[in-house]
Protein backbone atom coordinates (compact mmCIF):
# COMPACT_ATOMS: atom_id res chain seq x y z
CA MET A 1 129.68 38.29 -106.50
CA GLU A 2 129.43 41.39 -104.33
CA ALA A 3 125.66 41.26 -104.60
CA ILE A 4 125.58 37.75 -103.19
CA GLY A 5 127.91 38.77 -100.35
CA SER A 6 125.81 41.78 -99.46
CA LEU A 7 122.65 39.65 -99.63
CA ILE A 8 124.12 37.11 -97.21
CA LYS A 9 125.37 39.88 -94.91
CA GLY A 10 121.92 41.51 -94.89
CA ALA A 11 120.21 38.20 -94.08
CA GLN A 12 122.66 37.57 -91.25
CA GLN A 13 122.02 41.01 -89.77
CA GLN A 14 118.29 40.36 -89.82
CA VAL A 15 118.58 37.28 -87.64
CA SER A 16 121.55 38.23 -85.51
CA ALA A 17 121.12 39.02 -81.84
CA PHE A 18 122.69 42.46 -82.21
CA ASN A 19 119.61 43.99 -83.83
CA VAL A 20 116.97 42.92 -81.34
CA SER A 21 115.33 45.34 -78.97
CA LYS A 22 115.67 45.07 -75.22
CA ALA A 23 112.03 43.98 -74.93
CA THR A 24 112.59 41.11 -77.37
CA ALA A 25 115.75 40.02 -75.55
CA LEU A 26 113.86 40.10 -72.24
CA ARG A 27 111.02 38.04 -73.76
CA VAL A 28 113.51 35.42 -75.00
CA ILE A 29 115.16 35.23 -71.57
CA LYS A 30 111.80 34.87 -69.80
CA THR A 31 110.68 32.17 -72.21
CA GLY A 32 113.93 30.25 -71.70
CA THR A 33 113.63 30.51 -67.93
CA PHE A 34 110.03 29.26 -68.08
CA CYS A 35 111.05 26.29 -70.24
CA ARG A 36 113.93 25.37 -67.92
CA THR A 37 111.90 25.62 -64.72
CA VAL A 38 108.43 24.42 -65.79
CA VAL A 39 108.42 22.54 -69.09
CA TRP A 40 111.57 20.41 -68.86
CA PRO A 41 110.89 19.06 -65.35
CA ILE A 42 107.38 17.99 -66.43
CA LEU A 43 108.27 16.49 -69.81
CA PRO A 44 110.32 13.36 -68.85
CA PRO A 45 107.82 12.04 -66.26
CA LEU A 46 104.97 12.68 -68.70
CA MET A 47 106.78 10.78 -71.45
CA LEU A 48 107.51 7.90 -69.07
CA TYR A 49 103.85 7.81 -68.01
CA GLN A 50 102.72 7.67 -71.65
CA TYR A 51 105.20 4.85 -72.38
CA ILE A 52 103.98 2.81 -69.39
CA ARG A 53 100.32 3.34 -70.30
CA GLU A 54 100.90 2.28 -73.91
CA LYS A 55 102.86 -0.78 -72.78
CA ASP A 56 99.99 -1.63 -70.42
CA VAL A 57 97.40 -1.35 -73.20
CA ASP A 58 99.54 -3.48 -75.51
CA MET A 59 100.01 -6.20 -72.90
CA PHE A 60 96.29 -6.18 -72.07
CA ALA A 61 95.49 -6.69 -75.76
CA LEU A 62 98.04 -9.49 -75.89
CA GLU A 63 96.52 -11.19 -72.82
CA LEU A 64 93.04 -10.79 -74.30
CA LEU A 65 94.19 -12.32 -77.59
CA TYR A 66 95.78 -15.25 -75.73
CA ASP A 67 92.64 -15.77 -73.62
CA LYS A 68 90.25 -15.67 -76.59
CA SER A 69 92.43 -18.00 -78.69
CA GLY A 70 92.00 -20.90 -76.31
CA SER A 71 95.66 -21.80 -76.69
CA ASN A 72 97.65 -23.44 -73.90
CA GLU A 73 100.99 -22.14 -75.16
CA PRO A 74 101.68 -18.58 -73.93
CA ALA A 75 105.13 -18.55 -75.58
CA ALA A 76 103.39 -18.43 -78.96
CA PHE A 77 102.12 -14.95 -78.07
CA TYR A 78 104.90 -13.56 -75.88
CA ASN A 79 108.13 -15.54 -75.57
CA ARG A 80 110.22 -14.12 -72.71
CA ASN A 81 113.28 -16.14 -73.77
CA LEU A 82 113.77 -14.15 -76.97
CA PRO A 83 115.90 -10.98 -76.88
CA GLY A 84 114.58 -7.43 -77.29
CA VAL A 85 111.33 -6.78 -79.11
CA ALA A 86 111.33 -10.27 -80.66
CA LYS A 87 109.25 -11.44 -77.69
CA HIS A 88 105.98 -10.18 -79.21
CA TRP A 89 103.96 -12.55 -81.41
CA LYS A 90 103.69 -10.13 -84.33
CA ILE A 91 107.46 -9.57 -84.39
CA GLN A 92 107.99 -13.34 -84.19
CA SER A 93 105.70 -13.74 -87.19
CA ASP A 94 107.50 -11.03 -89.17
CA LEU A 95 110.93 -12.49 -88.37
CA GLU A 96 109.77 -15.95 -89.46
CA PHE A 97 108.45 -14.49 -92.73
CA ILE A 98 111.78 -12.74 -93.37
CA ARG A 99 113.72 -15.91 -92.53
CA LEU A 100 111.63 -17.96 -94.99
CA ALA A 101 112.05 -15.35 -97.73
CA ALA A 102 115.81 -15.05 -97.17
CA ASN A 103 116.44 -18.81 -96.93
CA PRO A 104 114.11 -20.55 -99.39
CA GLU A 105 113.92 -24.25 -98.81
CA GLN A 106 115.05 -26.40 -101.74
């Protein structure tokens, strides 16, 4: 049992902050400061931009599909009256498939 305790204590000392050199501590502080001042302010707008671009591409594909289908019913492709993500035609199709499987008609 003492061997396990000394093994755990040795592993803890290897990763604890008390055994690092001043240069390593300074490097960690500089990296943290860089992340707080440069990386984090850039990340949320970049993620929002990527989300908007992907949404734009998805809607363009949906409009293209509607246009090429020759249909006169846009709600079959994107129904704005449905809540959440159920507006999209593929989700509507999946939900209908689940409904039919869960409630078989007699």
